Amino acid sequence: MFVNEASSTANVNEATSNVLSNFKTLQSKIPKRKKKKIFEGGIFESFVPPEGDGVSTLISSEGAKQRFSGLEKKGKSFLDLRKIKKYLEEFDVKDFSQQAQDIVVEAQTLLQDIKKNEDRLHELVTERAYPELTHGLDLKTCRWKFVGSLEPPRVVHVRVTELLSKENLYAQITIRLHTQQCLAIYDRFGRLMYGSENLVKDVLEYVVFENHISNIYGQWRIHGKIIPDWMPPRDPILRTYQLPKFEPIEEDVENNEENNEEDSKENQQQHATV
């Protein structure tokens, strides 16, 4: 009986080892699932806006220089635009310019209620730009209104880059927007911190859009804004402070009178000696 039990256990061990070896061979043949590649970088080869843009005319000397330097930089943009059209055959620059402005207007409008419109905002804004747009607005009230366009939106910069492989391409397009807007920000107590709902301001913006063009489900989303150094600073934020409450200092009147009498006696003695 002992011999039969030993032989049976040996057979069981051999069978389990065969099953494990077969499982390992099958596991090695199963193709590994490819991880989704997400580009979390910033703006590559960012556009440098010419100084005085939106102010100088094409007839002036500054405007002529801007026009000439812009033509020099358009060569690479045209080459990268061809790469985009290989993946997006129906892509048109003029149509995209208007589409980009509509995306910006919708995103700014949705920022007035972030909690309600969070899902839609993620469809319009990349993971990098979302925290930048929503920073500090959780305890504030934002009122924004689009008045109109001073100039039609236009594409000023196009770049396409590879990530990890030549087939994985990301495209970034910079749009120039010159519009009129109204912006007002209130704190959690309803007090005005910035801007005005009735004051119309001319706003010049350079908005960068990104698309994973090698992905059939890729969409154009806001990726960031370019703020040039020569642009004037924004108006300061109006802050409301509460005056601190100080406790009154109780003075000892009797001690003060005694000290004053002693000081007067010392002064009289000094004058007498002199």
C-alpha atoms as a PDB file:
ATOM      1  CA  MET A   1       0.000   0.000   0.000  1.00  0.00           C
ATOM      2  CA  PHE A   2       2.844   2.406   0.800  1.00  0.00           C
ATOM      3  CA  VAL A   3       4.380   1.859  -2.627  1.00  0.00           C
ATOM      4  CA  ASN A   4       1.120   2.614  -4.418  1.00  0.00           C
ATOM      5  CA  GLU A   5       0.626   5.834  -2.416  1.00  0.00           C
ATOM      6  CA  ALA A   6       4.141   7.041  -3.242  1.00  0.00           C
ATOM      7  CA  SER A   7       3.697   6.309  -6.922  1.00  0.00           C
ATOM      8  CA  SER A   8       0.340   8.116  -7.004  1.00  0.00           C
ATOM      9  CA  THR A   9       1.801  11.249  -5.390  1.00  0.00           C
ATOM     10  CA  ALA A  10       4.660  11.197  -7.883  1.00  0.00           C
ATOM     11  CA  ASN A  11       2.171  10.988 -10.755  1.00  0.00           C
ATOM     12  CA  VAL A  12       0.201  13.930  -9.333  1.00  0.00           C
ATOM     13  CA  ASN A  13       3.341  16.066  -9.008  1.00  0.00           C
ATOM     14  CA  GLU A  14       4.382  15.213 -12.547  1.00  0.00           C
ATOM     15  CA  ALA A  15       0.919  16.115 -13.886  1.00  0.00           C
ATOM     16  CA  THR A  16       0.878  19.469 -12.085  1.00  0.00           C
ATOM     17  CA  SER A  17       4.347  20.318 -13.383  1.00  0.00           C
ATOM     18  CA  ASN A  18       3.205  19.511 -16.921  1.00  0.00           C
ATOM     19  CA  VAL A  19       0.140  21.745 -16.513  1.00  0.00           C
ATOM     20  CA  LEU A  20       2.265  24.631 -15.231  1.00  0.00           C
ATOM     21  CA  SER A  21       4.749  24.297 -18.079  1.00  0.00           C
ATOM     22  CA  ASN A  22       1.937  24.231 -20.639  1.00  0.00           C
ATOM     23  CA  PHE A  23       0.351  27.297 -19.008  1.00  0.00           C
ATOM     24  CA  LYS A  24       3.631  29.210 -19.195  1.00  0.00           C
ATOM     25  CA  THR A  25       4.065  28.382 -22.878  1.00  0.00           C
ATOM     26  CA  LEU A  26       0.502  29.521 -23.623  1.00  0.00           C
ATOM     27  CA  GLN A  27       1.008  32.703 -21.598  1.00  0.00           C
ATOM     28  CA  SER A  28       4.136  33.568 -23.563  1.00  0.00           C
ATOM     29  CA  LYS A  29       2.231  33.216 -26.849  1.00  0.00           C
ATOM     30  CA  ILE A  30      -0.558  35.618 -25.787  1.00  0.00           C
ATOM     31  CA  PRO A  31       0.155  39.078 -27.268  1.00  0.00           C
ATOM     32  CA  LYS A  32       0.767  41.719 -24.641  1.00  0.00           C
ATOM     33  CA  ARG A  33      -1.733  44.539 -24.434  1.00  0.00           C
ATOM     34  CA  LYS A  34      -0.287  47.780 -25.688  1.00  0.00           C
ATOM     35  CA  LYS A  35      -0.400  50.637 -23.231  1.00  0.00           C
ATOM     36  CA  LYS A  36      -2.120  53.812 -24.330  1.00  0.00           C
ATOM     37  CA  LYS A  37       0.454  56.483 -25.018  1.00  0.00           C
ATOM     38  CA  ILE A  38      -0.432  59.860 -23.564  1.00  0.00           C
ATOM     39  CA  PHE A  39       1.589  62.950 -24.309  1.00  0.00           C
ATOM     40  CA  GLU A  40       1.869  64.911 -21.070  1.00  0.00           C
ATOM     41  CA  GLY A  41       4.469  67.398 -22.236  1.00  0.00           C
ATOM     42  CA  GLY A  42       4.122  71.092 -22.724  1.00  0.00           C
ATOM     43  CA  ILE A  43       4.151  73.180 -25.862  1.00  0.00           C
ATOM     44  CA  PHE A  44       6.928  72.098 -28.197  1.00  0.00           C
ATOM     45  CA  GLU A  45       8.582  74.769 -30.357  1.00  0.00           C
ATOM     46  CA  SER A  46       6.186  77.387 -29.052  1.00  0.00           C
ATOM     47  CA  PHE A  47       5.253  80.332 -31.238  1.00  0.00           C
ATOM     48  CA  VAL A  48       6.951  83.656 -30.410  1.00  0.00           C
ATOM     49  CA  PRO A  49       4.422  86.456 -30.985  1.00  0.00           C
ATOM     50  CA  PRO A  50       5.925  89.555 -32.625  1.00  0.00           C
ATOM     51  CA  GLU A  51       6.126  92.609 -30.402  1.00  0.00           C
ATOM     52  CA  GLY A  52       3.357  95.101 -31.053  1.00  0.00           C
ATOM     53  CA  ASP A  53       1.016  92.534 -32.598  1.00  0.00           C
ATOM     54  CA  GLY A  54      -2.507  93.876 -32.752  1.00  0.00           C
ATOM     55  CA  VAL A  55      -1.247  97.490 -32.608  1.00  0.00           C
ATOM     56  CA  SER A  56       1.164  98.042 -35.506  1.00  0.00           C
ATOM     57  CA  THR A  57      -0.280  98.059 -39.032  1.00  0.00           C
ATOM     58  CA  LEU A  58       1.135  96.343 -42.095  1.00  0.00           C
ATOM     59  CA  ILE A  59       2.013  99.730 -43.623  1.00  0.00           C
ATOM     60  CA  SER A  60       4.267 100.745 -40.722  1.00  0.00           C
ATOM     61  CA  SER A  61       7.915  99.656 -40.512  1.00  0.00           C
ATOM     62  CA  GLU A  62       7.242  97.375 -37.521  1.00  0.00           C
ATOM     63  CA  GLY A  63       4.332  95.741 -39.305  1.00  0.00           C
ATOM     64  CA  ALA A  64       6.453  95.118 -42.414  1.00  0.00           C
ATOM     65  CA  LYS A  65       9.183  93.474 -40.315  1.00  0.00           C
ATOM     66  CA  GLN A  66       6.608  91.245 -38.621  1.00  0.00           C
ATOM     67  CA  ARG A  67       5.207  90.233 -41.994  1.00  0.00           C
ATOM     68  CA  PHE A  68       8.653  89.340 -43.358  1.00  0.00           C
ATOM     69  CA  SER A  69       9.723  87.351 -40.273  1.00  0.00           C
ATOM     70  CA  GLY A  70       6.380  85.519 -40.343  1.00  0.00           C
ATOM     71  CA  LEU A  71       6.982  84.360 -43.909  1.00  0.00           C
ATOM     72  CA  GLU A  72      10.351  82.895 -42.916  1.00  0.00           C
ATOM     73  CA  LYS A  73       8.774  80.786 -40.163  1.00  0.00           C
ATOM     74  CA  LYS A  74       5.907  79.518 -42.303  1.00  0.00           C
ATOM     75  CA  GLY A  75       8.053  77.015 -44.210  1.00  0.00           C
ATOM     76  CA  LYS A  76       8.117  74.423 -41.435  1.00  0.00           C
ATOM     77  CA  SER A  77       4.446  75.042 -40.658  1.00  0.00           C
ATOM     78  CA  PHE A  78       3.506  74.134 -44.243  1.00  0.00           C
ATOM     79  CA  LEU A  79       5.535  70.906 -44.043  1.00  0.00           C
ATOM     80  CA  ASP A  80       3.907  69.910 -40.759  1.00  0.00           C
ATOM     81  CA  LEU A  81       0.512  70.847 -42.171  1.00  0.00           C
ATOM     82  CA  ARG A  82       1.032  68.201 -44.867  1.00  0.00           C
ATOM     83  CA  LYS A  83       1.666  65.610 -42.155  1.00  0.00           C
ATOM     84  CA  ILE A  84      -1.633  66.527 -40.513  1.00  0.00           C
ATOM     85  CA  LYS A  85      -3.512  66.179 -43.803  1.00  0.00           C
ATOM     86  CA  LYS A  86      -2.115  62.656 -44.246  1.00  0.00           C
ATOM     87  CA  TYR A  87      -4.089  61.582 -41.182  1.00  0.00           C
ATOM     88  CA  LEU A  88      -6.924  64.136 -41.370  1.00  0.00           C
ATOM     89  CA  GLU A  89      -7.774  64.330 -45.059  1.00  0.00           C
ATOM     90  CA  GLU A  90     -10.640  66.805 -44.649  1.00  0.00           C
ATOM     91  CA  PHE A  91      -8.609  69.231 -42.524  1.00  0.00           C
ATOM     92  CA  ASP A  92      -8.923  72.856 -43.635  1.00  0.00           C
ATOM     93  CA  VAL A  93      -7.073  75.754 -42.014  1.00  0.00           C
ATOM     94  CA  LYS A  94      -9.889  78.307 -42.356  1.00  0.00           C
ATOM     95  CA  ASP A  95     -12.540  75.947 -41.033  1.00  0.00           C
ATOM     96  CA  PHE A  96     -10.309  74.919 -38.139  1.00  0.00           C
ATOM     97  CA  SER A  97      -9.663  78.551 -37.170  1.00  0.00           C
ATOM     98  CA  GLN A  98     -13.375  79.153 -36.657  1.00  0.00           C
ATOM     99  CA  GLN A  99     -13.786  75.777 -34.943  1.00  0.00           C
ATOM    100  CA  ALA A 100     -10.950  76.643 -32.556  1.00  0.00           C
ATOM    101  CA  GLN A 101     -12.561  79.953 -31.625  1.00  0.00           C
ATOM    102  CA  ASP A 102     -15.863  78.168 -30.953  1.00  0.00           C
ATOM    103  CA  ILE A 103     -14.047  75.725 -28.645  1.00  0.00           C
ATOM    104  CA  VAL A 104     -12.436  78.593 -26.712  1.00  0.00           C
ATOM    105  CA  VAL A 105     -15.772  80.400 -26.334  1.00  0.00           C
ATOM    106  CA  GLU A 106     -17.517  77.230 -25.134  1.00  0.00           C
ATOM    107  CA  ALA A 107     -14.736  76.376 -22.670  1.00  0.00           C
ATOM    108  CA  GLN A 108     -14.737  79.883 -21.195  1.00  0.00           C
ATOM    109  CA  THR A 109     -18.524  79.760 -20.856  1.00  0.00           C
ATOM    110  CA  LEU A 110     -18.406  76.368 -19.111  1.00  0.00           C
ATOM    111  CA  LEU A 111     -15.899  77.691 -16.554  1.00  0.00           C
ATOM    112  CA  GLN A 112     -18.763  79.608 -14.943  1.00  0.00           C
ATOM    113  CA  ASP A 113     -19.926  76.295 -13.418  1.00  0.00           C
ATOM    114  CA  ILE A 114     -17.031  73.838 -13.225  1.00  0.00           C
ATOM    115  CA  LYS A 115     -18.740  71.118 -11.176  1.00  0.00           C
ATOM    116  CA  LYS A 116     -21.689  70.882 -13.546  1.00  0.00           C
ATOM    117  CA  ASN A 117     -19.611  71.011 -16.756  1.00  0.00           C
ATOM    118  CA  GLU A 118     -16.553  69.006 -15.683  1.00  0.00           C
ATOM    119  CA  ASP A 119     -17.081  66.145 -18.165  1.00  0.00           C
ATOM    120  CA  ARG A 120     -17.561  68.477 -21.112  1.00  0.00           C
ATOM    121  CA  LEU A 121     -14.524  70.549 -20.109  1.00  0.00           C
ATOM    122  CA  HIS A 122     -12.332  67.431 -20.236  1.00  0.00           C
ATOM    123  CA  GLU A 123     -13.520  66.898 -23.813  1.00  0.00           C
ATOM    124  CA  LEU A 124     -12.445  70.427 -24.778  1.00  0.00           C
ATOM    125  CA  VAL A 125      -9.268  70.769 -22.692  1.00  0.00           C
ATOM    126  CA  THR A 126      -6.213  68.509 -22.312  1.00  0.00           C
ATOM    127  CA  GLU A 127      -5.074  67.031 -19.011  1.00  0.00           C
ATOM    128  CA  ARG A 128      -2.263  69.585 -18.834  1.00  0.00           C
ATOM    129  CA  ALA A 129      -4.412  72.665 -19.416  1.00  0.00           C
ATOM    130  CA  TYR A 130      -7.365  71.678 -17.211  1.00  0.00           C
ATOM    131  CA  PRO A 131      -5.768  72.498 -13.820  1.00  0.00           C
ATOM    132  CA  GLU A 132      -4.390  75.751 -15.226  1.00  0.00           C
ATOM    133  CA  LEU A 133      -7.839  76.888 -16.384  1.00  0.00           C
ATOM    134  CA  THR A 134      -9.712  75.856 -13.238  1.00  0.00           C
ATOM    135  CA  HIS A 135      -7.113  76.903 -10.650  1.00  0.00           C
ATOM    136  CA  GLY A 136      -8.640  79.011  -7.886  1.00  0.00           C
ATOM    137  CA  LEU A 137     -12.178  78.999  -9.282  1.00  0.00           C
ATOM    138  CA  ASP A 138     -13.640  76.441  -6.869  1.00  0.00           C
ATOM    139  CA  LEU A 139     -14.474  79.106  -4.260  1.00  0.00           C
ATOM    140  CA  LYS A 140     -15.112  81.951  -6.691  1.00  0.00           C
ATOM    141  CA  THR A 141     -17.834  82.976  -9.133  1.00  0.00           C
ATOM    142  CA  CYS A 142     -16.812  83.681 -12.722  1.00  0.00           C
ATOM    143  CA  ARG A 143     -18.922  85.706 -15.149  1.00  0.00           C
ATOM    144  CA  TRP A 144     -17.671  85.762 -18.742  1.00  0.00           C
ATOM    145  CA  LYS A 145     -19.255  86.965 -21.979  1.00  0.00           C
ATOM    146  CA  PHE A 146     -18.049  86.904 -25.572  1.00  0.00           C
ATOM    147  CA  VAL A 147     -18.893  90.189 -27.327  1.00  0.00           C
ATOM    148  CA  GLY A 148     -17.376  89.727 -30.789  1.00  0.00           C
ATOM    149  CA  SER A 149     -14.261  89.390 -32.941  1.00  0.00           C
ATOM    150  CA  LEU A 150     -12.091  92.352 -33.871  1.00  0.00           C
ATOM    151  CA  GLU A 151     -10.221  90.223 -36.426  1.00  0.00           C
ATOM    152  CA  PRO A 152     -10.999  86.792 -37.848  1.00  0.00           C
ATOM    153  CA  PRO A 153      -9.150  83.951 -36.083  1.00  0.00           C
ATOM    154  CA  ARG A 154      -6.163  82.579 -37.960  1.00  0.00           C
ATOM    155  CA  VAL A 155      -3.529  79.876 -37.672  1.00  0.00           C
ATOM    156  CA  VAL A 156      -0.060  81.280 -36.949  1.00  0.00           C
ATOM    157  CA  HIS A 157       1.956  78.181 -36.048  1.00  0.00           C
ATOM    158  CA  VAL A 158       1.814  74.437 -36.832  1.00  0.00           C
ATOM    159  CA  ARG A 159       4.061  71.758 -35.371  1.00  0.00           C
ATOM    160  CA  VAL A 160       4.011  67.939 -35.464  1.00  0.00           C
ATOM    161  CA  THR A 161       6.247  65.774 -33.294  1.00  0.00           C
ATOM    162  CA  GLU A 162       6.904  62.061 -32.779  1.00  0.00           C
ATOM    163  CA  LEU A 163       6.604  60.319 -29.426  1.00  0.00           C
ATOM    164  CA  LEU A 164       8.445  57.021 -28.830  1.00  0.00           C
ATOM    165  CA  SER A 165       7.889  55.934 -32.444  1.00  0.00           C
ATOM    166  CA  LYS A 166       7.540  57.482 -35.885  1.00  0.00           C
ATOM    167  CA  GLU A 167       3.944  56.308 -36.168  1.00  0.00           C
ATOM    168  CA  ASN A 168       2.835  58.010 -32.935  1.00  0.00           C
ATOM    169  CA  LEU A 169       2.325  61.662 -33.902  1.00  0.00           C
ATOM    170  CA  TYR A 170       1.032  64.649 -31.971  1.00  0.00           C
ATOM    171  CA  ALA A 171       0.095  67.921 -33.627  1.00  0.00           C
ATOM    172  CA  GLN A 172      -0.080  71.360 -32.037  1.00  0.00           C
ATOM    173  CA  ILE A 173      -1.600  74.396 -33.747  1.00  0.00           C
ATOM    174  CA  THR A 174      -1.443  77.950 -32.390  1.00  0.00           C
ATOM    175  CA  ILE A 175      -4.459  80.161 -33.093  1.00  0.00           C
ATOM    176  CA  ARG A 176      -4.399  83.949 -32.886  1.00  0.00           C
ATOM    177  CA  LEU A 177      -7.616  85.371 -31.439  1.00  0.00           C
ATOM    178  CA  HIS A 178      -8.335  89.118 -31.255  1.00  0.00           C
ATOM    179  CA  THR A 179     -11.719  89.492 -29.588  1.00  0.00           C
ATOM    180  CA  GLN A 180     -13.807  91.620 -27.246  1.00  0.00           C
ATOM    181  CA  GLN A 181     -14.774  90.081 -23.918  1.00  0.00           C
ATOM    182  CA  CYS A 182     -16.342  90.886 -20.548  1.00  0.00           C
ATOM    183  CA  LEU A 183     -14.944  89.215 -17.435  1.00  0.00           C
ATOM    184  CA  ALA A 184     -15.845  89.564 -13.764  1.00  0.00           C
ATOM    185  CA  ILE A 185     -14.698  87.407 -10.843  1.00  0.00           C
ATOM    186  CA  TYR A 186     -16.376  87.462  -7.436  1.00  0.00           C
ATOM    187  CA  ASP A 187     -15.145  85.899  -4.208  1.00  0.00           C
ATOM    188  CA  ARG A 188     -17.169  83.421  -2.150  1.00  0.00           C
ATOM    189  CA  PHE A 189     -18.963  86.290  -0.390  1.00  0.00           C
ATOM    190  CA  GLY A 190     -20.088  87.870  -3.667  1.00  0.00           C
ATOM    191  CA  ARG A 191     -17.616  90.760  -3.596  1.00  0.00           C
ATOM    192  CA  LEU A 192     -16.014  91.852  -6.857  1.00  0.00           C
ATOM    193  CA  MET A 193     -12.358  90.844  -7.151  1.00  0.00           C
ATOM    194  CA  TYR A 194     -11.523  91.441 -10.793  1.00  0.00           C
ATOM    195  CA  GLY A 195     -12.984  93.049 -13.912  1.00  0.00           C
ATOM    196  CA  SER A 196     -16.555  94.096 -14.586  1.00  0.00           C
ATOM    197  CA  GLU A 197     -19.568  92.508 -16.240  1.00  0.00           C
ATOM    198  CA  ASN A 198     -20.291  95.713 -18.172  1.00  0.00           C
ATOM    199  CA  LEU A 199     -16.745  96.690 -19.189  1.00  0.00           C
ATOM    200  CA  VAL A 200     -15.806  95.462 -22.685  1.00  0.00           C
ATOM    201  CA  LYS A 201     -12.082  94.856 -23.229  1.00  0.00           C
ATOM    202  CA  ASP A 202     -10.020  94.045 -26.312  1.00  0.00           C
ATOM    203  CA  VAL A 203      -8.198  90.749 -25.737  1.00  0.00           C
ATOM    204  CA  LEU A 204      -5.360  89.344 -27.864  1.00  0.00           C
ATOM    205  CA  GLU A 205      -4.747  85.643 -27.236  1.00  0.00           C
ATOM    206  CA  TYR A 206      -2.523  82.902 -28.651  1.00  0.00           C
ATOM    207  CA  VAL A 207      -4.199  79.575 -27.870  1.00  0.00           C
ATOM    208  CA  VAL A 208      -2.460  76.246 -28.547  1.00  0.00           C
ATOM    209  CA  PHE A 209      -4.554  73.233 -29.607  1.00  0.00           C
ATOM    210  CA  GLU A 210      -3.319  69.637 -29.525  1.00  0.00           C
ATOM    211  CA  ASN A 211      -4.478  66.479 -31.294  1.00  0.00           C
ATOM    212  CA  HIS A 212      -3.183  62.910 -31.253  1.00  0.00           C
ATOM    213  CA  ILE A 213      -3.489  62.683 -35.041  1.00  0.00           C
ATOM    214  CA  SER A 214      -2.284  59.075 -35.307  1.00  0.00           C
ATOM    215  CA  ASN A 215      -5.232  58.021 -33.129  1.00  0.00           C
ATOM    216  CA  ILE A 216      -8.525  57.710 -35.017  1.00  0.00           C
ATOM    217  CA  TYR A 217     -10.357  59.012 -31.932  1.00  0.00           C
ATOM    218  CA  GLY A 218      -8.084  62.029 -31.512  1.00  0.00           C
ATOM    219  CA  GLN A 219      -9.718  65.431 -31.049  1.00  0.00           C
ATOM    220  CA  TRP A 220      -8.521  69.017 -31.090  1.00  0.00           C
ATOM    221  CA  ARG A 221      -8.391  70.289 -27.516  1.00  0.00           C
ATOM    222  CA  ILE A 222      -7.020  73.375 -25.786  1.00  0.00           C
ATOM    223  CA  HIS A 223      -3.491  72.633 -24.568  1.00  0.00           C
ATOM    224  CA  GLY A 224      -2.316  76.024 -23.314  1.00  0.00           C
ATOM    225  CA  LYS A 225      -1.832  79.716 -23.967  1.00  0.00           C
ATOM    226  CA  ILE A 226       1.236  81.676 -25.005  1.00  0.00           C
ATOM    227  CA  ILE A 227       1.687  84.924 -23.067  1.00  0.00           C
ATOM    228  CA  PRO A 228       4.486  87.056 -24.573  1.00  0.00           C
ATOM    229  CA  ASP A 229       6.807  89.104 -22.368  1.00  0.00           C
ATOM    230  CA  TRP A 230       5.861  92.384 -24.030  1.00  0.00           C
ATOM    231  CA  MET A 231       2.160  92.010 -23.225  1.00  0.00           C
ATOM    232  CA  PRO A 232       1.017  94.539 -20.575  1.00  0.00           C
ATOM    233  CA  PRO A 233       0.293  93.108 -17.109  1.00  0.00           C
ATOM    234  CA  ARG A 234      -3.240  92.443 -15.995  1.00  0.00           C
ATOM    235  CA  ASP A 235      -5.134  94.675 -13.615  1.00  0.00           C
ATOM    236  CA  PRO A 236      -4.499  93.882  -9.936  1.00  0.00           C
ATOM    237  CA  ILE A 237      -7.039  91.813  -8.042  1.00  0.00           C
ATOM    238  CA  LEU A 238      -9.273  93.727  -5.637  1.00  0.00           C
ATOM    239  CA  ARG A 239      -9.076  92.085  -2.226  1.00  0.00           C
ATOM    240  CA  THR A 240     -11.263  92.789   0.800  1.00  0.00           C
ATOM    241  CA  TYR A 241      -9.665  92.631   4.238  1.00  0.00           C
ATOM    242  CA  GLN A 242     -11.171  92.756   7.721  1.00  0.00           C
ATOM    243  CA  LEU A 243      -9.717  95.291  10.128  1.00  0.00           C
ATOM    244  CA  PRO A 244      -8.143  93.607  13.167  1.00  0.00           C
ATOM    245  CA  LYS A 245      -9.685  94.260  16.567  1.00  0.00           C
ATOM    246  CA  PHE A 246      -7.175  95.535  19.116  1.00  0.00           C
ATOM    247  CA  GLU A 247      -7.800  95.439  22.848  1.00  0.00           C
ATOM    248  CA  PRO A 248      -7.524  98.871  24.516  1.00  0.00           C
ATOM    249  CA  ILE A 249      -4.402  99.458  26.587  1.00  0.00           C
ATOM    250  CA  GLU A 250      -5.232 100.456  30.181  1.00  0.00           C
ATOM    251  CA  GLU A 251      -2.826 103.073  31.480  1.00  0.00           C
ATOM    252  CA  ASP A 252      -2.085 103.599  35.171  1.00  0.00           C
ATOM    253  CA  VAL A 253      -2.912 107.287  35.644  1.00  0.00           C
ATOM    254  CA  GLU A 254      -1.527 107.570  39.220  1.00  0.00           C
ATOM    255  CA  ASN A 255       1.871 106.126  38.290  1.00  0.00           C
ATOM    256  CA  ASN A 256       2.071 108.426  35.269  1.00  0.00           C
ATOM    257  CA  GLU A 257       1.391 111.503  37.446  1.00  0.00           C
ATOM    258  CA  GLU A 258       4.064 110.458  39.975  1.00  0.00           C
ATOM    259  CA  ASN A 259       6.590 109.897  37.175  1.00  0.00           C
ATOM    260  CA  ASN A 260       5.802 113.300  35.699  1.00  0.00           C
ATOM    261  CA  GLU A 261       6.296 115.002  39.104  1.00  0.00           C
ATOM    262  CA  GLU A 262       9.659 113.275  39.592  1.00  0.00           C
ATOM    263  CA  ASP A 263      10.768 114.306  36.092  1.00  0.00           C
ATOM    264  CA  SER A 264       9.789 117.929  36.753  1.00  0.00           C
ATOM    265  CA  LYS A 265      11.722 117.978  40.074  1.00  0.00           C
ATOM    266  CA  GLU A 266      14.826 116.582  38.366  1.00  0.00           C
ATOM    267  CA  ASN A 267      14.600 119.234  35.669  1.00  0.00           C
ATOM    268  CA  GLN A 268      14.283 121.998  38.293  1.00  0.00           C
ATOM    269  CA  GLN A 269      17.341 120.712  40.160  1.00  0.00           C
ATOM    270  CA  GLN A 270      19.366 120.618  36.940  1.00  0.00           C
ATOM    271  CA  HIS A 271      18.391 124.216  36.134  1.00  0.00           C
ATOM    272  CA  ALA A 272      19.285 125.291  39.679  1.00  0.00           C
ATOM    273  CA  THR A 273      22.766 123.789  39.464  1.00  0.00           C
ATOM    274  CA  VAL A 274      23.339 125.419  36.087  1.00  0.00           C
END
